[in-house]
Amino acid sequence: MKLLLAIVNNDDANYVNTGLSKSGFMVTKIASTGGFLMSGNTTFLTGVQDDEVDKVLEIISHFSKKRTVPIPADPVYNPASISTIPAKVTVGGATVFVLNIERFEHI
């Protein structure tokens, strides 16, 4: 058995949640915040059998899209920046951790 922790951009979270639920996977959603842009994320937790990991990853990948967004040229983001032209950074996609589970009990 595996525990998957998937950190997904809030823009994609509802699609990921719906995709996983429609495929029969039970998920727990936790609101989280990214450290770099301080933007909202959703962290999904789901326990699955070993042979279901690829299906979950496929669903998350299908609904988690990368996008480019401007960030302000602000010393908070880049202390060396003296420009007032906003920079662009890629956000979105998903970060997924797959952990081995020794024991699982539903109480």
C-alpha atoms as a PDB file:
ATOM      1  CA  MET A   1       0.000   0.000   0.000  1.00  0.00           C
ATOM      2  CA  LYS A   2       1.112   3.569  -0.745  1.00  0.00           C
ATOM      3  CA  LEU A   3       0.248   7.006   0.574  1.00  0.00           C
ATOM      4  CA  LEU A   4       0.332   9.726  -2.057  1.00  0.00           C
ATOM      5  CA  LEU A   5       0.735  13.364  -1.032  1.00  0.00           C
ATOM      6  CA  ALA A   6       0.058  15.606  -4.006  1.00  0.00           C
ATOM      7  CA  ILE A   7       0.586  19.362  -3.825  1.00  0.00           C
ATOM      8  CA  VAL A   8      -1.524  21.008  -6.526  1.00  0.00           C
ATOM      9  CA  ASN A   9      -2.124  24.631  -7.518  1.00  0.00           C
ATOM     10  CA  ASN A  10      -5.521  25.889  -6.313  1.00  0.00           C
ATOM     11  CA  ASP A  11      -6.503  26.641  -9.922  1.00  0.00           C
ATOM     12  CA  ASP A  12      -6.378  22.902 -10.662  1.00  0.00           C
ATOM     13  CA  ALA A  13      -7.508  21.487  -7.315  1.00  0.00           C
ATOM     14  CA  ASN A  14     -11.216  21.091  -8.098  1.00  0.00           C
ATOM     15  CA  TYR A  15     -10.449  19.273 -11.357  1.00  0.00           C
ATOM     16  CA  VAL A  16      -7.992  16.940  -9.631  1.00  0.00           C
ATOM     17  CA  ASN A  17     -10.452  16.283  -6.806  1.00  0.00           C
ATOM     18  CA  THR A  18     -13.286  15.515  -9.224  1.00  0.00           C
ATOM     19  CA  GLY A  19     -11.076  13.306 -11.387  1.00  0.00           C
ATOM     20  CA  LEU A  20      -9.873  11.250  -8.428  1.00  0.00           C
ATOM     21  CA  SER A  21     -13.339  10.968  -6.893  1.00  0.00           C
ATOM     22  CA  LYS A  22     -14.988   9.913 -10.177  1.00  0.00           C
ATOM     23  CA  SER A  23     -12.335   7.208 -10.521  1.00  0.00           C
ATOM     24  CA  GLY A  24     -13.238   5.852  -7.077  1.00  0.00           C
ATOM     25  CA  PHE A  25     -10.296   7.171  -5.075  1.00  0.00           C
ATOM     26  CA  MET A  26     -11.021   8.576  -1.634  1.00  0.00           C
ATOM     27  CA  VAL A  27      -9.016  11.734  -0.964  1.00  0.00           C
ATOM     28  CA  THR A  28      -8.453  14.173   1.854  1.00  0.00           C
ATOM     29  CA  LYS A  29      -7.883  17.815   0.889  1.00  0.00           C
ATOM     30  CA  ILE A  30      -5.757  20.146   2.971  1.00  0.00           C
ATOM     31  CA  ALA A  31      -5.348  23.858   2.223  1.00  0.00           C
ATOM     32  CA  SER A  32      -1.669  24.788   1.957  1.00  0.00           C
ATOM     33  CA  THR A  33       0.464  27.724   0.880  1.00  0.00           C
ATOM     34  CA  GLY A  34       3.536  27.683  -1.334  1.00  0.00           C
ATOM     35  CA  GLY A  35       6.701  29.166   0.086  1.00  0.00           C
ATOM     36  CA  PHE A  36       8.037  30.950  -3.008  1.00  0.00           C
ATOM     37  CA  LEU A  37       5.039  32.946  -4.219  1.00  0.00           C
ATOM     38  CA  MET A  38       2.985  32.556  -1.035  1.00  0.00           C
ATOM     39  CA  SER A  39       0.137  31.406  -3.251  1.00  0.00           C
ATOM     40  CA  GLY A  40      -2.594  28.939  -2.439  1.00  0.00           C
ATOM     41  CA  ASN A  41      -2.196  25.237  -2.998  1.00  0.00           C
ATOM     42  CA  THR A  42      -4.189  22.182  -2.112  1.00  0.00           C
ATOM     43  CA  THR A  43      -2.500  19.098  -0.707  1.00  0.00           C
ATOM     44  CA  PHE A  44      -4.263  15.832  -1.448  1.00  0.00           C
ATOM     45  CA  LEU A  45      -3.709  12.687   0.604  1.00  0.00           C
ATOM     46  CA  THR A  46      -4.849   9.322  -0.677  1.00  0.00           C
ATOM     47  CA  GLY A  47      -4.014   5.755   0.232  1.00  0.00           C
ATOM     48  CA  VAL A  48      -3.969   3.276  -2.655  1.00  0.00           C
ATOM     49  CA  GLN A  49      -2.819  -0.219  -3.494  1.00  0.00           C
ATOM     50  CA  ASP A  50       0.578  -0.463  -5.195  1.00  0.00           C
ATOM     51  CA  ASP A  51      -0.968  -1.236  -8.587  1.00  0.00           C
ATOM     52  CA  GLU A  52      -3.171   1.900  -8.440  1.00  0.00           C
ATOM     53  CA  VAL A  53      -0.335   4.433  -8.052  1.00  0.00           C
ATOM     54  CA  ASP A  54       0.131   4.954 -11.800  1.00  0.00           C
ATOM     55  CA  LYS A  55      -3.605   5.590 -12.311  1.00  0.00           C
ATOM     56  CA  VAL A  56      -3.631   8.248  -9.570  1.00  0.00           C
ATOM     57  CA  LEU A  57      -0.509   9.881 -11.014  1.00  0.00           C
ATOM     58  CA  GLU A  58      -2.108   9.870 -14.473  1.00  0.00           C
ATOM     59  CA  ILE A  59      -5.227  11.648 -13.160  1.00  0.00           C
ATOM     60  CA  ILE A  60      -3.193  14.242 -11.243  1.00  0.00           C
ATOM     61  CA  SER A  61      -0.965  14.838 -14.261  1.00  0.00           C
ATOM     62  CA  HIS A  62      -3.937  15.235 -16.601  1.00  0.00           C
ATOM     63  CA  PHE A  63      -5.573  17.946 -14.498  1.00  0.00           C
ATOM     64  CA  SER A  64      -2.483  19.777 -13.131  1.00  0.00           C
ATOM     65  CA  LYS A  65      -1.319  22.228 -15.759  1.00  0.00           C
ATOM     66  CA  LYS A  66       1.756  24.433 -15.684  1.00  0.00           C
ATOM     67  CA  ARG A  67       1.307  28.108 -16.527  1.00  0.00           C
ATOM     68  CA  THR A  68       3.481  31.210 -16.623  1.00  0.00           C
ATOM     69  CA  VAL A  69       2.508  34.138 -14.405  1.00  0.00           C
ATOM     70  CA  PRO A  70       4.124  37.521 -13.808  1.00  0.00           C
ATOM     71  CA  ILE A  71       5.580  38.312 -10.406  1.00  0.00           C
ATOM     72  CA  PRO A  72       6.348  41.843  -9.300  1.00  0.00           C
ATOM     73  CA  ALA A  73       9.937  43.039  -9.448  1.00  0.00           C
ATOM     74  CA  ASP A  74       9.982  43.449  -5.707  1.00  0.00           C
ATOM     75  CA  PRO A  75      12.914  43.067  -3.304  1.00  0.00           C
ATOM     76  CA  VAL A  76      10.831  40.547  -1.365  1.00  0.00           C
ATOM     77  CA  TYR A  77      11.058  38.147  -4.331  1.00  0.00           C
ATOM     78  CA  ASN A  78      14.488  39.183  -5.569  1.00  0.00           C
ATOM     79  CA  PRO A  79      16.609  41.415  -3.309  1.00  0.00           C
ATOM     80  CA  ALA A  80      19.095  42.073  -6.132  1.00  0.00           C
ATOM     81  CA  SER A  81      16.380  43.369  -8.457  1.00  0.00           C
ATOM     82  CA  ILE A  82      16.425  47.064  -9.249  1.00  0.00           C
ATOM     83  CA  SER A  83      14.138  46.716 -12.254  1.00  0.00           C
ATOM     84  CA  THR A  84      10.462  47.573 -12.134  1.00  0.00           C
ATOM     85  CA  ILE A  85       9.696  45.148 -14.982  1.00  0.00           C
ATOM     86  CA  PRO A  86       7.775  42.134 -13.676  1.00  0.00           C
ATOM     87  CA  ALA A  87       9.476  38.790 -14.105  1.00  0.00           C
ATOM     88  CA  LYS A  88       7.651  35.637 -15.181  1.00  0.00           C
ATOM     89  CA  VAL A  89       7.709  32.315 -13.384  1.00  0.00           C
ATOM     90  CA  THR A  90       6.200  28.931 -14.134  1.00  0.00           C
ATOM     91  CA  VAL A  91       3.619  27.722 -11.623  1.00  0.00           C
ATOM     92  CA  GLY A  92       1.207  24.845 -11.500  1.00  0.00           C
ATOM     93  CA  GLY A  93       1.763  21.220 -12.224  1.00  0.00           C
ATOM     94  CA  ALA A  94       1.950  19.013  -9.168  1.00  0.00           C
ATOM     95  CA  THR A  95       4.504  17.722  -6.721  1.00  0.00           C
ATOM     96  CA  VAL A  96       3.683  14.188  -5.620  1.00  0.00           C
ATOM     97  CA  PHE A  97       5.306  12.151  -2.862  1.00  0.00           C
ATOM     98  CA  VAL A  98       4.720   8.396  -2.885  1.00  0.00           C
ATOM     99  CA  LEU A  99       5.301   6.817   0.531  1.00  0.00           C
ATOM    100  CA  ASN A 100       5.324   3.176   1.569  1.00  0.00           C
ATOM    101  CA  ILE A 101       2.732   2.277   4.190  1.00  0.00           C
ATOM    102  CA  GLU A 102       3.551  -0.510   6.618  1.00  0.00           C
ATOM    103  CA  ARG A 103       0.153  -0.673   8.211  1.00  0.00           C
ATOM    104  CA  PHE A 104      -3.286   0.761   7.562  1.00  0.00           C
ATOM    105  CA  GLU A 105      -6.326   0.643   9.817  1.00  0.00           C
ATOM    106  CA  HIS A 106      -9.716   2.198   9.252  1.00  0.00           C
ATOM    107  CA  ILE A 107     -11.216   2.768  12.698  1.00  0.00           C
END
